[in-house]
Protein backbone atom coordinates (compact mmCIF):
# COMPACT_ATOMS: atom_id res chain seq x y z
CA MET A 1 -28.52 98.27 -38.14
CA LYS A 2 -26.04 100.79 -39.53
CA VAL A 3 -27.61 104.25 -39.74
CA PHE A 4 -26.49 107.44 -41.44
CA MET A 5 -27.86 110.61 -39.86
CA ILE A 6 -27.96 114.26 -40.81
CA GLY A 7 -28.31 116.41 -37.69
CA SER A 8 -26.77 114.11 -35.09
CA THR A 9 -25.29 116.94 -33.01
CA GLY A 10 -28.58 118.81 -32.63
CA LEU A 11 -31.01 118.38 -29.75
CA LEU A 12 -33.15 115.74 -31.48
CA GLY A 13 -30.41 114.04 -33.45
CA SER A 14 -28.07 113.57 -30.50
CA ALA A 15 -30.86 112.08 -28.39
CA ALA A 16 -31.82 109.76 -31.26
CA ALA A 17 -28.19 108.73 -31.76
CA GLU A 18 -27.86 107.88 -28.08
CA GLU A 19 -31.08 105.84 -28.15
CA LEU A 20 -30.04 103.99 -31.31
CA ILE A 21 -26.61 103.15 -29.91
CA GLU A 22 -28.14 101.92 -26.65
CA ARG A 23 -30.30 99.59 -28.76
CA GLY A 24 -27.24 98.16 -30.45
CA HIS A 25 -27.24 100.15 -33.71
CA GLN A 26 -24.27 101.89 -35.33
CA VAL A 27 -24.61 105.60 -36.15
CA ILE A 28 -22.46 107.64 -38.52
CA SER A 29 -23.08 111.32 -39.22
CA ILE A 30 -22.08 114.65 -40.69
CA ALA A 31 -22.23 117.82 -38.61
CA LEU A 32 -21.24 121.47 -38.77
CA PRO A 33 -18.73 122.68 -36.18
CA PRO A 34 -18.64 123.84 -33.48
CA LEU A 35 -20.16 121.28 -31.16
CA PRO A 36 -22.24 122.85 -28.39
CA GLU A 37 -19.97 123.53 -25.42
CA GLY A 38 -20.64 121.08 -22.62
CA ALA A 39 -22.89 118.81 -24.69
CA LYS A 40 -22.40 115.09 -24.25
CA PHE A 41 -22.42 112.66 -27.15
CA PRO A 42 -22.12 108.87 -27.13
CA LYS A 43 -18.48 107.89 -27.63
CA GLN A 44 -19.61 105.34 -30.25
CA LEU A 45 -21.18 108.09 -32.39
CA GLN A 46 -19.06 108.63 -35.50
CA ILE A 47 -19.08 112.33 -36.41
CA GLU A 48 -17.39 113.86 -39.42
CA PHE A 49 -17.45 117.64 -39.66
CA GLY A 50 -18.67 119.19 -42.88
CA ASN A 51 -21.59 120.82 -44.68
CA TYR A 52 -23.62 118.15 -46.44
CA LEU A 53 -25.29 120.83 -48.58
CA GLU A 54 -21.91 121.54 -50.17
CA MET A 55 -20.97 117.89 -50.74
CA ASP A 56 -21.33 116.27 -54.15
CA ASP A 57 -23.40 113.13 -54.67
CA ASP A 58 -20.41 110.80 -54.67
CA LYS A 59 -19.33 112.06 -51.26
CA LEU A 60 -22.81 111.51 -49.84
CA ARG A 61 -22.98 108.07 -51.42
CA SER A 62 -19.79 107.16 -49.58
CA TYR A 63 -21.65 107.63 -46.29
CA LEU A 64 -24.85 105.91 -47.40
CA LYS A 65 -23.31 102.78 -48.91
CA GLY A 66 -23.56 99.87 -46.52
CA CYS A 67 -26.20 101.57 -44.37
CA ASP A 68 -29.58 100.06 -43.57
CA GLY A 69 -31.17 103.26 -42.31
CA PHE A 70 -31.12 107.01 -42.90
CA ILE A 71 -32.39 109.76 -40.58
CA PHE A 72 -32.91 113.42 -41.47
CA ALA A 73 -33.00 115.36 -38.19
CA ALA A 74 -31.94 118.71 -39.60
CA GLY A 75 -33.59 121.70 -41.26
CA VAL A 76 -35.19 124.82 -39.82
CA ASP A 77 -38.54 125.48 -38.18
CA GLU A 78 -41.10 128.27 -38.16
CA ARG A 79 -39.19 130.37 -35.63
CA VAL A 80 -36.45 131.16 -38.15
CA GLU A 81 -37.10 134.33 -40.17
CA GLY A 82 -35.57 135.12 -43.54
CA PRO A 83 -35.87 137.21 -46.70
CA TYR A 84 -39.17 137.27 -48.55
CA PRO A 85 -40.41 134.83 -49.78
CA ILE A 86 -39.60 132.69 -46.75
CA TYR A 87 -40.79 129.53 -48.51
CA ASP A 88 -37.56 129.55 -50.54
CA MET A 89 -35.55 129.11 -47.34
CA TYR A 90 -37.68 126.18 -46.22
CA LYS A 91 -37.31 124.63 -49.66
CA LYS A 92 -33.52 124.96 -49.41
CA TYR A 93 -33.17 123.43 -45.94
CA ASN A 94 -36.21 121.16 -45.52
CA ILE A 95 -37.41 119.97 -48.92
CA ASP A 96 -34.58 119.88 -51.46
CA PRO A 97 -32.19 118.01 -49.12
CA VAL A 98 -34.83 115.37 -48.37
CA GLU A 99 -35.47 114.80 -52.05
CA ARG A 100 -31.77 114.57 -52.85
CA LEU A 101 -30.80 112.39 -49.89
CA LEU A 102 -33.69 109.93 -50.21
CA LYS A 103 -32.88 109.47 -53.90
CA LEU A 104 -29.25 108.71 -53.06
CA ALA A 105 -30.20 106.51 -50.12
CA LYS A 106 -32.47 104.40 -52.29
CA GLU A 107 -29.76 104.09 -54.93
CA CYS A 108 -27.32 102.90 -52.27
CA GLY A 109 -29.60 100.15 -50.99
CA VAL A 110 -30.77 101.80 -47.78
CA ARG A 111 -34.01 100.14 -46.67
CA HIS A 112 -35.43 102.50 -44.03
CA ALA A 113 -35.65 106.29 -43.71
CA VAL A 114 -37.05 108.66 -41.09
CA ILE A 115 -37.71 112.36 -41.66
CA CYS A 116 -38.33 114.72 -38.74
CA GLY A 117 -41.27 116.90 -39.77
CA SER A 118 -43.92 119.02 -38.06
CA TYR A 119 -47.25 118.37 -36.40
CA PHE A 120 -48.62 121.36 -38.28
CA SER A 121 -48.87 118.97 -41.24
CA TYR A 122 -51.19 116.72 -39.25
CA PHE A 123 -53.51 119.59 -38.43
CA ALA A 124 -53.36 120.96 -41.98
CA LYS A 125 -54.79 117.63 -43.11
CA THR A 126 -57.29 117.11 -40.30
CA LYS A 127 -58.49 120.73 -39.99
CA PRO A 128 -58.86 121.89 -43.61
CA GLU A 129 -61.29 124.59 -42.52
CA MET A 130 -58.36 126.46 -40.94
CA LYS A 131 -56.62 126.77 -44.34
CA LEU A 132 -53.23 126.30 -42.71
CA ILE A 133 -51.53 125.40 -45.98
CA GLU A 134 -52.88 128.43 -47.81
CA ASN A 135 -52.14 130.87 -44.98
CA HIS A 136 -48.72 129.78 -43.70
CA PRO A 137 -45.60 129.24 -45.87
CA TYR A 138 -43.95 127.08 -43.23
CA ILE A 139 -46.88 124.69 -42.99
CA ARG A 140 -47.12 124.51 -46.79
CA SER A 141 -43.43 123.62 -46.91
CA ARG A 142 -43.89 120.81 -44.39
CA ILE A 143 -46.75 119.34 -46.41
CA ASP A 144 -44.58 119.57 -49.52
CA GLN A 145 -41.73 117.91 -47.61
CA GLU A 146 -44.02 115.02 -46.69
CA GLU A 147 -45.17 114.57 -50.27
CA VAL A 148 -41.60 114.52 -51.56
CA ALA A 149 -40.51 112.06 -48.88
CA LEU A 150 -43.39 109.65 -49.37
CA SER A 151 -42.89 109.64 -53.14
CA PHE A 152 -39.79 107.47 -52.61
CA ALA A 153 -41.50 104.83 -50.49
CA ASP A 154 -42.18 101.34 -51.80
CA ASP A 155 -42.10 97.73 -50.60
CA ASP A 156 -38.29 97.79 -50.44
CA PHE A 157 -37.81 101.28 -49.03
CA SER A 158 -39.81 102.46 -46.02
CA VAL A 159 -40.15 106.20 -45.41
CA ALA A 160 -41.55 107.54 -42.13
CA VAL A 161 -42.29 111.21 -41.52
CA LEU A 162 -42.63 112.11 -37.86
CA GLU A 163 -45.08 114.96 -37.35
CA LEU A 164 -43.39 116.38 -34.27
CA PRO A 165 -45.06 118.85 -31.88
CA TYR A 166 -43.50 121.17 -29.30
CA ILE A 167 -40.50 119.46 -27.72
CA PHE A 168 -38.89 120.02 -24.34
CA GLY A 169 -35.47 119.03 -23.10
CA VAL A 170 -32.01 120.52 -23.10
CA GLN A 171 -28.63 120.16 -24.69
CA LYS A 172 -25.90 122.02 -22.86
CA GLY A 173 -24.41 124.73 -25.03
CA ARG A 174 -27.41 125.04 -27.36
CA LYS A 175 -30.18 127.61 -27.01
CA PRO A 176 -33.61 126.08 -26.37
CA VAL A 177 -36.20 127.05 -28.95
CA TRP A 178 -38.16 128.47 -26.02
CA MET A 179 -35.85 131.46 -25.55
CA PHE A 180 -38.46 133.73 -27.13
CA LEU A 181 -41.07 132.80 -24.53
CA ALA A 182 -38.64 133.11 -21.62
CA GLU A 183 -37.67 136.59 -22.82
CA GLN A 184 -41.32 137.51 -23.26
CA ILE A 185 -42.11 136.45 -19.69
CA GLN A 186 -39.16 138.40 -18.29
CA SER A 187 -40.07 141.53 -20.21
CA ASN A 188 -43.14 142.26 -18.08
CA ASN A 189 -43.03 142.39 -14.28
CA PHE A 190 -46.79 142.60 -13.85
CA ALA A 191 -48.21 139.54 -15.61
CA THR A 192 -47.82 137.25 -18.59
CA PHE A 193 -50.28 138.03 -21.35
CA TYR A 194 -50.97 135.05 -23.57
CA PRO A 195 -53.70 133.48 -25.73
CA ALA A 196 -56.05 130.82 -24.42
CA GLY A 197 -55.19 127.65 -26.32
CA GLY A 198 -52.93 124.66 -26.03
CA SER A 199 -50.79 122.02 -27.69
CA THR A 200 -49.61 118.47 -27.44
CA MET A 201 -46.07 118.28 -26.07
CA VAL A 202 -43.33 115.67 -25.82
CA THR A 203 -39.88 115.32 -24.31
CA VAL A 204 -36.74 114.99 -26.40
CA ARG A 205 -36.35 111.45 -25.04
CA GLN A 206 -39.78 110.57 -26.43
CA VAL A 207 -38.79 111.97 -29.83
CA ALA A 208 -35.69 109.75 -29.79
CA GLN A 209 -37.87 106.74 -29.06
CA ALA A 210 -40.25 107.69 -31.88
CA ILE A 211 -37.35 107.98 -34.34
CA CYS A 212 -36.03 104.55 -33.37
CA GLY A 213 -39.49 103.02 -33.53
CA ALA A 214 -40.29 104.55 -36.91
CA LEU A 215 -37.04 103.23 -38.33
CA VAL A 216 -38.00 99.62 -37.68
CA HIS A 217 -41.82 99.60 -37.60
CA THR A 218 -42.75 101.59 -40.72
CA LYS A 219 -43.87 99.70 -43.82
CA GLY A 220 -43.99 101.61 -47.10
CA GLY A 221 -44.64 105.30 -46.57
CA LYS A 222 -46.37 106.68 -43.49
CA CYS A 223 -46.77 109.91 -41.54
CA TRP A 224 -46.84 109.41 -37.77
CA PRO A 225 -48.53 112.14 -35.63
CA ILE A 226 -46.48 112.33 -32.43
CA GLY A 227 -47.97 113.56 -29.18
CA TRP A 228 -48.22 112.63 -25.53
CA ASP A 229 -49.05 115.30 -22.94
CA ASN A 230 -51.81 117.70 -24.00
CA LEU A 231 -51.37 120.94 -22.07
CA SER A 232 -53.04 124.32 -22.25
CA TRP A 233 -50.79 127.35 -22.69
CA ASN A 234 -51.69 128.32 -19.13
CA GLU A 235 -50.42 124.98 -17.81
CA LEU A 236 -47.18 125.45 -19.76
CA LEU A 237 -46.77 129.01 -18.46
CA GLU A 238 -47.27 127.96 -14.85
CA ILE A 239 -44.36 125.54 -15.13
CA ALA A 240 -42.25 128.11 -17.01
CA HIS A 241 -42.95 130.75 -14.35
CA GLN A 242 -41.69 128.42 -11.62
CA ALA A 243 -38.50 127.64 -13.57
CA LEU A 244 -37.83 131.33 -14.25
CA GLY A 245 -38.42 132.37 -10.64
CA TYR A 246 -41.88 133.91 -11.06
CA LYS A 247 -43.95 131.50 -8.98
CA ASP A 248 -46.68 134.08 -8.19
CA ARG A 249 -46.88 135.56 -11.70
CA ARG A 250 -50.39 136.12 -13.02
CA ILE A 251 -51.48 134.82 -16.42
CA ILE A 252 -53.93 137.00 -18.32
CA ASN A 253 -55.51 135.45 -21.39
CA VAL A 254 -55.91 138.26 -23.89
CA PRO A 255 -58.91 138.20 -26.24
CA LYS A 256 -58.17 137.20 -29.81
CA TRP A 257 -58.96 140.64 -31.23
CA MET A 258 -56.35 142.17 -28.92
CA PHE A 259 -53.78 139.54 -29.95
CA ASN A 260 -54.42 140.33 -33.62
CA LEU A 261 -53.99 144.02 -32.87
CA GLY A 262 -50.68 143.38 -31.12
CA VAL A 263 -49.05 141.56 -34.04
CA ARG A 264 -49.38 144.63 -36.26
CA SER A 265 -46.22 146.18 -34.81
CA ILE A 266 -44.30 142.95 -35.49
CA LEU A 267 -45.55 142.91 -39.05
CA LYS A 268 -44.38 146.48 -39.47
CA GLN A 269 -40.92 145.60 -38.13
CA GLN A 270 -40.66 142.63 -40.49
CA LYS A 271 -41.57 144.82 -43.45
CA GLU A 272 -39.02 147.48 -42.49
CA LYS A 273 -36.28 144.83 -42.18
CA GLY A 274 -37.30 143.05 -45.38
CA ILE A 275 -37.84 139.75 -43.60
CA ASP A 276 -40.62 137.21 -43.73
CA GLY A 277 -41.95 134.72 -41.18
CA GLY A 278 -43.00 131.13 -41.71
CA LEU A 279 -46.31 131.67 -39.95
CA ASN A 280 -48.50 134.45 -41.28
CA LEU A 281 -48.98 136.74 -38.27
CA LYS A 282 -52.32 137.92 -39.58
CA LYS A 283 -53.58 134.35 -39.19
CA LEU A 284 -51.43 133.29 -36.23
CA GLY A 285 -54.28 133.87 -33.79
CA ASP A 286 -56.21 131.01 -35.36
CA ILE A 287 -53.38 128.68 -34.29
CA GLN A 288 -52.62 130.19 -30.89
CA TYR A 289 -56.25 130.08 -29.78
CA SER A 290 -56.72 126.47 -30.87
CA TYR A 291 -56.07 123.31 -28.89
CA PHE A 292 -53.74 121.31 -31.10
CA TYR A 293 -53.96 118.05 -29.19
CA ILE A 294 -52.86 114.63 -30.49
CA ASP A 295 -53.91 111.25 -29.15
CA LYS A 296 -50.76 109.28 -28.29
CA ALA A 297 -52.45 106.17 -29.71
CA LEU A 298 -52.12 107.61 -33.23
CA GLY A 299 -48.34 107.44 -33.44
CA SER A 300 -46.42 107.52 -30.19
CA GLU A 301 -47.68 104.30 -28.66
CA PRO A 302 -47.41 102.19 -31.86
CA LEU A 303 -43.78 103.33 -32.17
CA GLY A 304 -42.90 102.34 -28.62
CA VAL A 305 -42.78 105.78 -27.04
CA GLU A 306 -42.95 105.60 -23.26
CA GLU A 307 -44.26 107.85 -20.50
CA ASP A 308 -41.84 110.61 -19.50
CA ASP A 309 -41.80 113.59 -17.12
CA ILE A 310 -42.94 116.52 -19.28
CA LYS A 311 -42.92 118.91 -16.30
CA ALA A 312 -39.26 118.15 -15.61
CA ALA A 313 -38.39 118.61 -19.29
CA ILE A 314 -40.22 121.96 -19.46
CA THR A 315 -38.53 123.07 -16.24
CA ALA A 316 -35.08 122.15 -17.56
CA SER A 317 -35.74 124.01 -20.82
CA PHE A 318 -36.67 127.26 -19.08
CA GLU A 319 -33.95 126.98 -16.46
CA LEU A 320 -31.39 126.83 -19.27
CA CYS A 321 -33.10 129.81 -20.95
CA LYS A 322 -32.69 131.75 -17.71
CA GLU A 323 -29.01 130.83 -17.43
CA ILE A 324 -28.41 132.11 -20.97
CA ILE A 325 -30.40 135.32 -20.44
CA ASP A 326 -28.53 135.97 -17.16
CA GLY A 327 -25.20 135.45 -18.91
CA LYS A 328 -24.33 132.36 -16.88
CA SER A 329 -24.16 130.04 -19.90
CA GLU A 330 -22.90 130.39 -23.44
CA ALA A 331 -24.95 128.75 -26.17
CA ILE A 332 -25.21 128.49 -29.93
CA GLY A 333 -28.41 128.72 -31.93
CA MET A 334 -29.98 126.75 -34.75
CA LYS A 335 -28.23 126.13 -38.06
CA GLY A 336 -30.05 125.03 -41.17
CA GLU A 337 -27.16 122.92 -42.40
């Protein structure tokens, strides 16, 4: 299968490209320079540098023609702040490109598409009592992204949306999304204060397997909840502490009322800077004190995802965070394009 990918030089995209190539597929892509320093990419991966958001339709069609599959592994997540209203940024990077690219892909005869989404969409649909869509712009944008994506699906064009959870693994030269937590842990010598909750977690290798599986196993339009290891925050922190050199660090689970009190200062800072966050901090406690667990039988196993070492992936993620914080490694951050 010949596959066109947006986001092939990112953490998820590069892993998916490697997996696809190992399975005998051809992958072509567009990426923004620079490449992360020290990152390794398959030599068979065809990368052309450029900003797809600035390309006209004819240019994009030139990549899509002759392809059997299309993968969108780009966009921005809830950790990226921006001007109010933040939803506009998510629409620019996560929704509008999907609508445009799927339309062009279908016109060009592409038969299969995979969109990397968020597991918050799964919980927005299965836990309506939490009002995640109403309370959080980022989660609303992911639901809207799913609806746009699935609107293109039919018997001749399969569209899979992967509802991806927290992901661990590293790409040399790129900052892990877990920098914020590593910095938070290092900021207090006494203990780590954190909510009592948890989440399903996967490795980047498992995401790559899910992308490959969704490309060939999806019929029509379908959202796949992806999960494997269900860990409490305390279990995650214990592994992170070891990786950061704090093996005897205490974990103190703060009560929810105290957590809600603590976010007030962050809200004040956001207001002063004129920025907005994808998750409403006033309602963030409802998420952080929940156990967002996903049964691997719902999506991962049907797509051929295999067991992997989540502890090793978490350890590698925080070890790279430490190297960056200590100035021992240079790394670039996330780009929406």
